[in-house]
Amino acid sequence: MRDRFLQGLYRLMNSPFGAVLGGLVYGLWALGVNRHAGWPHAAVIGCAHWAMSVAITMGCVALMRTLFWLPRSPRNGALLAAGGSLLLTYTLLITVHTMIGTPNILVTLAPGMLPTVGFAVVFSSLLLRETADPAWRLSLERRQPNPEPAATRMNLDLVTSPLSGDRHARA
């Protein structure tokens, strides 16, 4: 039951639908918090925050996958993936909100901080689990069509590269 939940969560966090859904929540919050600046300006702030949230979520998923593979240790990879994505996320959010003239940047970003940190920690933990638990990784691979022969897929020393999809030995 727990593995099924984690696999579903992994697929949702890795999908455009999850990014759009999360961005919608953040965009509506930004609209409501900044309504005192006038509805037209608040709508621009809400739409900008929605668009940034979707783009940042999809970009950070790719970034986290890439950063995860840089260190030799999977634990260090998970830490680098979470920290790097959070640094990029808040640098972009603060910069864009400053450029569009958001009056209350801290109030706009504060409620999203816990889910954003949670997303980074949970997704990097799921990446760590994917490399640590061969059975879980293989169950995810079974759900995706793979043209490789079954003998190659069953080799537990091989893992999928995050960018190219090529199979290579873990360093």
C-alpha atoms as a PDB file:
ATOM      1  CA  MET A   1       0.000   0.000   0.000  1.00  0.00           C
ATOM      2  CA  ARG A   2       2.776   2.428   0.952  1.00  0.00           C
ATOM      3  CA  ASP A   3       4.792   1.615  -2.181  1.00  0.00           C
ATOM      4  CA  ARG A   4       1.730   2.195  -4.354  1.00  0.00           C
ATOM      5  CA  PHE A   5       1.168   5.598  -2.724  1.00  0.00           C
ATOM      6  CA  LEU A   6       4.838   6.591  -3.160  1.00  0.00           C
ATOM      7  CA  GLN A   7       4.840   5.500  -6.792  1.00  0.00           C
ATOM      8  CA  GLY A   8       1.677   7.514  -7.458  1.00  0.00           C
ATOM      9  CA  LEU A   9       3.194  10.522  -5.712  1.00  0.00           C
ATOM     10  CA  TYR A  10       6.376  10.124  -7.755  1.00  0.00           C
ATOM     11  CA  ARG A  11       4.411  10.065 -11.020  1.00  0.00           C
ATOM     12  CA  LEU A  12       2.318  13.107  -9.998  1.00  0.00           C
ATOM     13  CA  MET A  13       5.398  15.106  -8.980  1.00  0.00           C
ATOM     14  CA  ASN A  14       7.044  14.158 -12.251  1.00  0.00           C
ATOM     15  CA  SER A  15       4.084  15.178 -14.462  1.00  0.00           C
ATOM     16  CA  PRO A  16       2.959  18.433 -16.083  1.00  0.00           C
ATOM     17  CA  PHE A  17      -0.466  17.998 -14.437  1.00  0.00           C
ATOM     18  CA  GLY A  18       1.115  18.137 -10.981  1.00  0.00           C
ATOM     19  CA  ALA A  19       3.018  21.302 -11.943  1.00  0.00           C
ATOM     20  CA  VAL A  20      -0.127  23.013 -13.314  1.00  0.00           C
ATOM     21  CA  LEU A  21      -2.156  22.018 -10.251  1.00  0.00           C
ATOM     22  CA  GLY A  22       0.471  23.327  -7.836  1.00  0.00           C
ATOM     23  CA  GLY A  23       0.926  26.502  -9.882  1.00  0.00           C
ATOM     24  CA  LEU A  24      -2.815  27.146  -9.823  1.00  0.00           C
ATOM     25  CA  VAL A  25      -2.883  27.051  -6.035  1.00  0.00           C
ATOM     26  CA  TYR A  26       0.111  29.417  -5.784  1.00  0.00           C
ATOM     27  CA  GLY A  27      -1.292  31.764  -8.447  1.00  0.00           C
ATOM     28  CA  LEU A  28      -4.631  32.058  -6.665  1.00  0.00           C
ATOM     29  CA  TRP A  29      -2.843  32.752  -3.395  1.00  0.00           C
ATOM     30  CA  ALA A  30      -0.719  35.484  -5.008  1.00  0.00           C
ATOM     31  CA  LEU A  31      -3.868  37.026  -6.526  1.00  0.00           C
ATOM     32  CA  GLY A  32      -5.644  37.106  -3.165  1.00  0.00           C
ATOM     33  CA  VAL A  33      -2.708  38.425  -1.151  1.00  0.00           C
ATOM     34  CA  ASN A  34      -2.028  41.282  -3.568  1.00  0.00           C
ATOM     35  CA  ARG A  35      -5.644  42.324  -4.250  1.00  0.00           C
ATOM     36  CA  HIS A  36      -5.111  45.585  -2.356  1.00  0.00           C
ATOM     37  CA  ALA A  37      -2.803  46.705  -5.201  1.00  0.00           C
ATOM     38  CA  GLY A  38      -5.823  46.729  -7.500  1.00  0.00           C
ATOM     39  CA  TRP A  39      -7.394  43.808  -9.304  1.00  0.00           C
ATOM     40  CA  PRO A  40      -5.614  44.343 -12.651  1.00  0.00           C
ATOM     41  CA  HIS A  41      -2.184  44.427 -10.971  1.00  0.00           C
ATOM     42  CA  ALA A  42      -3.120  41.541  -8.664  1.00  0.00           C
ATOM     43  CA  ALA A  43      -4.210  39.513 -11.706  1.00  0.00           C
ATOM     44  CA  VAL A  44      -0.832  40.141 -13.380  1.00  0.00           C
ATOM     45  CA  ILE A  45       0.937  39.082 -10.188  1.00  0.00           C
ATOM     46  CA  GLY A  46      -1.245  35.944  -9.882  1.00  0.00           C
ATOM     47  CA  CYS A  47      -0.741  34.952 -13.530  1.00  0.00           C
ATOM     48  CA  ALA A  48       2.996  35.605 -13.339  1.00  0.00           C
ATOM     49  CA  HIS A  49       3.254  33.533 -10.174  1.00  0.00           C
ATOM     50  CA  TRP A  50       1.225  30.705 -11.752  1.00  0.00           C
ATOM     51  CA  ALA A  51       3.397  30.674 -14.877  1.00  0.00           C
ATOM     52  CA  MET A  52       6.606  30.830 -12.838  1.00  0.00           C
ATOM     53  CA  SER A  53       5.429  28.044 -10.541  1.00  0.00           C
ATOM     54  CA  VAL A  54       4.644  25.710 -13.443  1.00  0.00           C
ATOM     55  CA  ALA A  55       7.903  26.489 -15.257  1.00  0.00           C
ATOM     56  CA  ILE A  56       9.981  26.299 -12.094  1.00  0.00           C
ATOM     57  CA  THR A  57       8.402  23.000 -11.052  1.00  0.00           C
ATOM     58  CA  MET A  58       9.050  21.374 -14.416  1.00  0.00           C
ATOM     59  CA  GLY A  59      12.527  22.903 -14.650  1.00  0.00           C
ATOM     60  CA  CYS A  60      13.434  21.985 -11.089  1.00  0.00           C
ATOM     61  CA  VAL A  61      12.400  18.371 -11.630  1.00  0.00           C
ATOM     62  CA  ALA A  62      14.890  18.188 -14.513  1.00  0.00           C
ATOM     63  CA  LEU A  63      17.474  20.117 -12.469  1.00  0.00           C
ATOM     64  CA  MET A  64      17.020  17.840  -9.453  1.00  0.00           C
ATOM     65  CA  ARG A  65      17.444  14.749 -11.619  1.00  0.00           C
ATOM     66  CA  THR A  66      20.656  16.198 -13.060  1.00  0.00           C
ATOM     67  CA  LEU A  67      22.081  17.408  -9.734  1.00  0.00           C
ATOM     68  CA  PHE A  68      21.251  14.068  -8.123  1.00  0.00           C
ATOM     69  CA  TRP A  69      23.747  12.282 -10.399  1.00  0.00           C
ATOM     70  CA  LEU A  70      26.695  14.690  -9.926  1.00  0.00           C
ATOM     71  CA  PRO A  71      28.146  13.454  -6.591  1.00  0.00           C
ATOM     72  CA  ARG A  72      29.418   9.913  -6.144  1.00  0.00           C
ATOM     73  CA  SER A  73      27.138   9.242  -3.176  1.00  0.00           C
ATOM     74  CA  PRO A  74      23.357   9.058  -3.706  1.00  0.00           C
ATOM     75  CA  ARG A  75      22.806  10.746  -0.304  1.00  0.00           C
ATOM     76  CA  ASN A  76      24.961  13.699  -1.334  1.00  0.00           C
ATOM     77  CA  GLY A  77      23.120  13.742  -4.649  1.00  0.00           C
ATOM     78  CA  ALA A  78      19.787  14.007  -2.845  1.00  0.00           C
ATOM     79  CA  LEU A  79      21.095  16.887  -0.695  1.00  0.00           C
ATOM     80  CA  LEU A  80      22.525  18.694  -3.725  1.00  0.00           C
ATOM     81  CA  ALA A  81      19.311  18.174  -5.696  1.00  0.00           C
ATOM     82  CA  ALA A  82      17.106  19.604  -2.933  1.00  0.00           C
ATOM     83  CA  GLY A  83      19.422  22.530  -2.107  1.00  0.00           C
ATOM     84  CA  GLY A  84      20.136  23.449  -5.725  1.00  0.00           C
ATOM     85  CA  SER A  85      16.489  23.456  -6.735  1.00  0.00           C
ATOM     86  CA  LEU A  86      15.486  25.593  -3.739  1.00  0.00           C
ATOM     87  CA  LEU A  87      18.247  28.096  -4.472  1.00  0.00           C
ATOM     88  CA  LEU A  88      17.167  28.415  -8.108  1.00  0.00           C
ATOM     89  CA  THR A  89      13.456  28.556  -7.230  1.00  0.00           C
ATOM     90  CA  TYR A  90      13.677  31.390  -4.727  1.00  0.00           C
ATOM     91  CA  THR A  91      16.237  33.339  -6.748  1.00  0.00           C
ATOM     92  CA  LEU A  92      13.883  33.328  -9.739  1.00  0.00           C
ATOM     93  CA  LEU A  93      10.737  34.038  -7.719  1.00  0.00           C
ATOM     94  CA  ILE A  94      12.216  36.978  -5.836  1.00  0.00           C
ATOM     95  CA  THR A  95      13.790  38.424  -8.991  1.00  0.00           C
ATOM     96  CA  VAL A  96      10.607  38.253 -11.086  1.00  0.00           C
ATOM     97  CA  HIS A  97       8.351  39.549  -8.289  1.00  0.00           C
ATOM     98  CA  THR A  98      10.748  42.469  -7.808  1.00  0.00           C
ATOM     99  CA  MET A  99      10.666  43.200 -11.545  1.00  0.00           C
ATOM    100  CA  ILE A 100       6.840  43.180 -11.804  1.00  0.00           C
ATOM    101  CA  GLY A 101       6.460  45.318  -8.693  1.00  0.00           C
ATOM    102  CA  THR A 102       4.850  42.918  -6.244  1.00  0.00           C
ATOM    103  CA  PRO A 103       4.210  44.992  -3.107  1.00  0.00           C
ATOM    104  CA  ASN A 104       4.395  42.149  -0.553  1.00  0.00           C
ATOM    105  CA  ILE A 105       6.958  39.663  -1.820  1.00  0.00           C
ATOM    106  CA  LEU A 106       7.465  37.988   1.552  1.00  0.00           C
ATOM    107  CA  VAL A 107       3.718  37.592   2.166  1.00  0.00           C
ATOM    108  CA  THR A 108       3.290  36.322  -1.399  1.00  0.00           C
ATOM    109  CA  LEU A 109       6.030  33.694  -1.097  1.00  0.00           C
ATOM    110  CA  ALA A 110       5.725  32.680   2.578  1.00  0.00           C
ATOM    111  CA  PRO A 111       2.778  30.237   2.308  1.00  0.00           C
ATOM    112  CA  GLY A 112       4.439  28.444  -0.582  1.00  0.00           C
ATOM    113  CA  MET A 113       7.705  27.971   1.270  1.00  0.00           C
ATOM    114  CA  LEU A 114       6.645  24.856   3.196  1.00  0.00           C
ATOM    115  CA  PRO A 115       5.210  23.051   0.129  1.00  0.00           C
ATOM    116  CA  THR A 116       8.218  24.086  -1.980  1.00  0.00           C
ATOM    117  CA  VAL A 117      10.722  22.825   0.578  1.00  0.00           C
ATOM    118  CA  GLY A 118       8.560  19.730   1.052  1.00  0.00           C
ATOM    119  CA  PHE A 119       8.496  19.097  -2.697  1.00  0.00           C
ATOM    120  CA  ALA A 120      12.280  19.387  -2.954  1.00  0.00           C
ATOM    121  CA  VAL A 121      12.865  17.086   0.034  1.00  0.00           C
ATOM    122  CA  VAL A 122      10.265  14.486  -0.981  1.00  0.00           C
ATOM    123  CA  PHE A 123      11.276  14.376  -4.652  1.00  0.00           C
ATOM    124  CA  SER A 124      14.982  14.042  -3.859  1.00  0.00           C
ATOM    125  CA  SER A 125      14.099  11.353  -1.291  1.00  0.00           C
ATOM    126  CA  LEU A 126      12.135   9.520  -3.974  1.00  0.00           C
ATOM    127  CA  LEU A 127      15.168   9.758  -6.278  1.00  0.00           C
ATOM    128  CA  LEU A 128      17.299   8.343  -3.475  1.00  0.00           C
ATOM    129  CA  ARG A 129      14.810   5.549  -2.916  1.00  0.00           C
ATOM    130  CA  GLU A 130      14.758   4.810  -6.642  1.00  0.00           C
ATOM    131  CA  THR A 131      18.497   4.150  -6.600  1.00  0.00           C
ATOM    132  CA  ALA A 132      18.561   2.361  -3.230  1.00  0.00           C
ATOM    133  CA  ASP A 133      15.670  -0.075  -3.719  1.00  0.00           C
ATOM    134  CA  PRO A 134      16.016  -2.181  -6.895  1.00  0.00           C
ATOM    135  CA  ALA A 135      12.537  -3.678  -6.557  1.00  0.00           C
ATOM    136  CA  TRP A 136      10.916  -0.235  -6.469  1.00  0.00           C
ATOM    137  CA  ARG A 137      12.943   0.909  -9.489  1.00  0.00           C
ATOM    138  CA  LEU A 138      12.015  -2.193 -11.429  1.00  0.00           C
ATOM    139  CA  SER A 139       8.334  -1.763 -10.632  1.00  0.00           C
ATOM    140  CA  LEU A 140       8.499   1.771 -12.077  1.00  0.00           C
ATOM    141  CA  GLU A 141      10.295   0.481 -15.188  1.00  0.00           C
ATOM    142  CA  ARG A 142       7.657  -2.209 -15.738  1.00  0.00           C
ATOM    143  CA  ARG A 143       4.997   0.500 -16.079  1.00  0.00           C
ATOM    144  CA  GLN A 144       6.879   2.188 -18.936  1.00  0.00           C
ATOM    145  CA  PRO A 145       7.358   0.457 -22.304  1.00  0.00           C
ATOM    146  CA  ASN A 146      11.014  -0.320 -22.839  1.00  0.00           C
ATOM    147  CA  PRO A 147      12.380  -1.678 -26.126  1.00  0.00           C
ATOM    148  CA  GLU A 148      15.406  -3.254 -24.413  1.00  0.00           C
ATOM    149  CA  PRO A 149      15.511  -7.020 -23.863  1.00  0.00           C
ATOM    150  CA  ALA A 150      14.324  -8.258 -20.474  1.00  0.00           C
ATOM    151  CA  ALA A 151      17.815  -9.519 -19.589  1.00  0.00           C
ATOM    152  CA  THR A 152      19.223  -5.970 -19.808  1.00  0.00           C
ATOM    153  CA  ARG A 153      16.365  -4.475 -17.760  1.00  0.00           C
ATOM    154  CA  MET A 154      16.868  -6.981 -14.976  1.00  0.00           C
ATOM    155  CA  ASN A 155      20.553  -6.055 -14.511  1.00  0.00           C
ATOM    156  CA  LEU A 156      20.483  -4.194 -11.178  1.00  0.00           C
ATOM    157  CA  ASP A 157      23.910  -2.591 -11.734  1.00  0.00           C
ATOM    158  CA  LEU A 158      22.496  -0.413 -14.496  1.00  0.00           C
ATOM    159  CA  VAL A 159      20.416   2.704 -13.937  1.00  0.00           C
ATOM    160  CA  THR A 160      18.752   5.164 -16.290  1.00  0.00           C
ATOM    161  CA  SER A 161      20.496   8.462 -16.986  1.00  0.00           C
ATOM    162  CA  PRO A 162      18.186  11.371 -16.106  1.00  0.00           C
ATOM    163  CA  LEU A 163      18.724  13.397 -19.294  1.00  0.00           C
ATOM    164  CA  SER A 164      19.402  10.962 -22.110  1.00  0.00           C
ATOM    165  CA  GLY A 165      17.560   7.890 -20.852  1.00  0.00           C
ATOM    166  CA  ASP A 166      20.668   5.820 -21.637  1.00  0.00           C
ATOM    167  CA  ARG A 167      21.585   3.008 -19.320  1.00  0.00           C
ATOM    168  CA  HIS A 168      24.937   3.261 -17.552  1.00  0.00           C
ATOM    169  CA  ALA A 169      26.691   1.891 -14.495  1.00  0.00           C
ATOM    170  CA  ARG A 170      26.374   3.962 -11.322  1.00  0.00           C
ATOM    171  CA  ALA A 171      29.729   5.547 -10.419  1.00  0.00           C
END
